[in-house]
Amino acid sequence: MAHSNQARKRARQNENARLRNKARLSSVRTAMKSLFAAVKAGDKQKAGALATKTCQLIDKAAKSNVLHLHKASRHKSQVMKAVGAMK
């Protein structure tokens, strides 16, 4: 356990950041899962709407260093490829 006030504060801040990062990553995973479910069901309208929302979430996660930029790019590519294949 931290002994100094500064170390205690850093521990609190780190815990808050961990929970914030966990929530953001979870929302990205949930959005991707629901998008791929819509693609599998063949709902083109819903998939198009979810694609923009999912890409926004991925970009926010990458901007706040929850996801690496290359991983975010790969996820966005997978999303757009799945939606684009729905012809």
Protein backbone atom coordinates (compact mmCIF):
# COMPACT_ATOMS: atom_id res chain seq x y z
CA MET A 1 0.00 0.00 0.00
CA ALA A 2 1.12 3.54 -0.75
CA HIS A 3 2.53 5.50 2.17
CA SER A 4 2.90 9.06 0.96
CA ASN A 5 0.01 11.33 0.06
CA GLN A 6 1.32 11.63 -3.47
CA ALA A 7 1.45 7.85 -3.90
CA ARG A 8 -2.07 7.48 -2.50
CA LYS A 9 -3.37 10.05 -4.94
CA ARG A 10 -1.65 8.33 -7.87
CA ALA A 11 -3.20 5.03 -6.78
CA ARG A 12 -6.66 6.63 -6.78
CA GLN A 13 -6.09 8.23 -10.17
CA ASN A 14 -4.78 5.00 -11.66
CA GLU A 15 -7.81 3.08 -10.43
CA ASN A 16 -10.19 5.64 -11.94
CA ALA A 17 -8.29 5.57 -15.23
CA ARG A 18 -8.33 1.77 -15.26
CA LEU A 19 -12.10 1.69 -14.84
CA ARG A 20 -12.58 4.40 -17.47
CA ASN A 21 -10.36 2.52 -19.95
CA LYS A 22 -12.12 -0.76 -19.20
CA ALA A 23 -15.53 0.82 -19.87
CA ARG A 24 -14.39 2.39 -23.14
CA LEU A 25 -12.89 -0.87 -24.39
CA SER A 26 -16.00 -2.76 -23.37
CA SER A 27 -18.22 -0.36 -25.31
CA VAL A 28 -16.05 -0.84 -28.41
CA ARG A 29 -16.31 -4.63 -28.14
CA THR A 30 -20.08 -4.47 -27.59
CA ALA A 31 -20.55 -2.16 -30.58
CA MET A 32 -18.49 -4.43 -32.82
CA LYS A 33 -20.40 -7.49 -31.65
CA SER A 34 -23.79 -5.89 -32.32
CA LEU A 35 -22.60 -4.65 -35.73
CA PHE A 36 -21.42 -8.11 -36.80
CA ALA A 37 -24.72 -9.56 -35.57
CA ALA A 38 -26.61 -7.07 -37.76
CA VAL A 39 -24.40 -7.96 -40.73
CA LYS A 40 -24.99 -11.66 -40.16
CA ALA A 41 -28.75 -11.06 -39.95
CA GLY A 42 -28.60 -9.12 -43.24
CA ASP A 43 -30.02 -5.87 -41.82
CA LYS A 44 -28.27 -3.38 -44.10
CA GLN A 45 -29.93 -0.27 -42.64
CA LYS A 46 -29.02 -1.12 -39.06
CA ALA A 47 -25.50 -2.20 -40.02
CA GLY A 48 -24.85 1.11 -41.77
CA ALA A 49 -25.96 3.08 -38.73
CA LEU A 50 -23.94 0.90 -36.37
CA ALA A 51 -20.85 1.19 -38.57
CA THR A 52 -20.53 4.93 -38.05
CA LYS A 53 -21.17 4.61 -34.30
CA THR A 54 -18.64 1.79 -33.99
CA CYS A 55 -15.97 3.73 -35.90
CA GLN A 56 -16.52 6.73 -33.64
CA LEU A 57 -16.07 4.57 -30.55
CA ILE A 58 -12.93 3.00 -31.99
CA ASP A 59 -11.47 6.43 -32.80
CA LYS A 60 -12.19 7.68 -29.27
CA ALA A 61 -10.53 4.62 -27.77
CA ALA A 62 -7.46 5.13 -29.97
CA LYS A 63 -7.32 8.83 -29.17
CA SER A 64 -7.25 8.12 -25.44
CA ASN A 65 -4.64 5.35 -25.85
CA VAL A 66 -7.01 2.57 -24.83
CA LEU A 67 -6.41 0.94 -28.22
CA HIS A 68 -3.21 1.17 -30.22
CA LEU A 69 -3.58 3.17 -33.43
CA HIS A 70 -2.80 0.18 -35.64
CA LYS A 71 -5.28 -2.03 -33.81
CA ALA A 72 -7.93 0.67 -34.12
CA SER A 73 -7.23 0.93 -37.83
CA ARG A 74 -7.51 -2.83 -38.20
CA HIS A 75 -10.84 -2.90 -36.34
CA LYS A 76 -12.24 -0.09 -38.49
CA SER A 77 -11.12 -1.94 -41.59
CA GLN A 78 -12.90 -5.10 -40.44
CA VAL A 79 -16.07 -3.12 -39.72
CA MET A 80 -16.12 -1.39 -43.10
CA LYS A 81 -15.26 -4.59 -44.95
CA ALA A 82 -18.14 -6.43 -43.28
CA VAL A 83 -20.62 -3.65 -44.04
CA GLY A 84 -19.31 -3.22 -47.60
CA ALA A 85 -19.74 -6.91 -48.35
CA MET A 86 -23.51 -6.65 -47.71
CA LYS A 87 -24.65 -6.21 -51.32
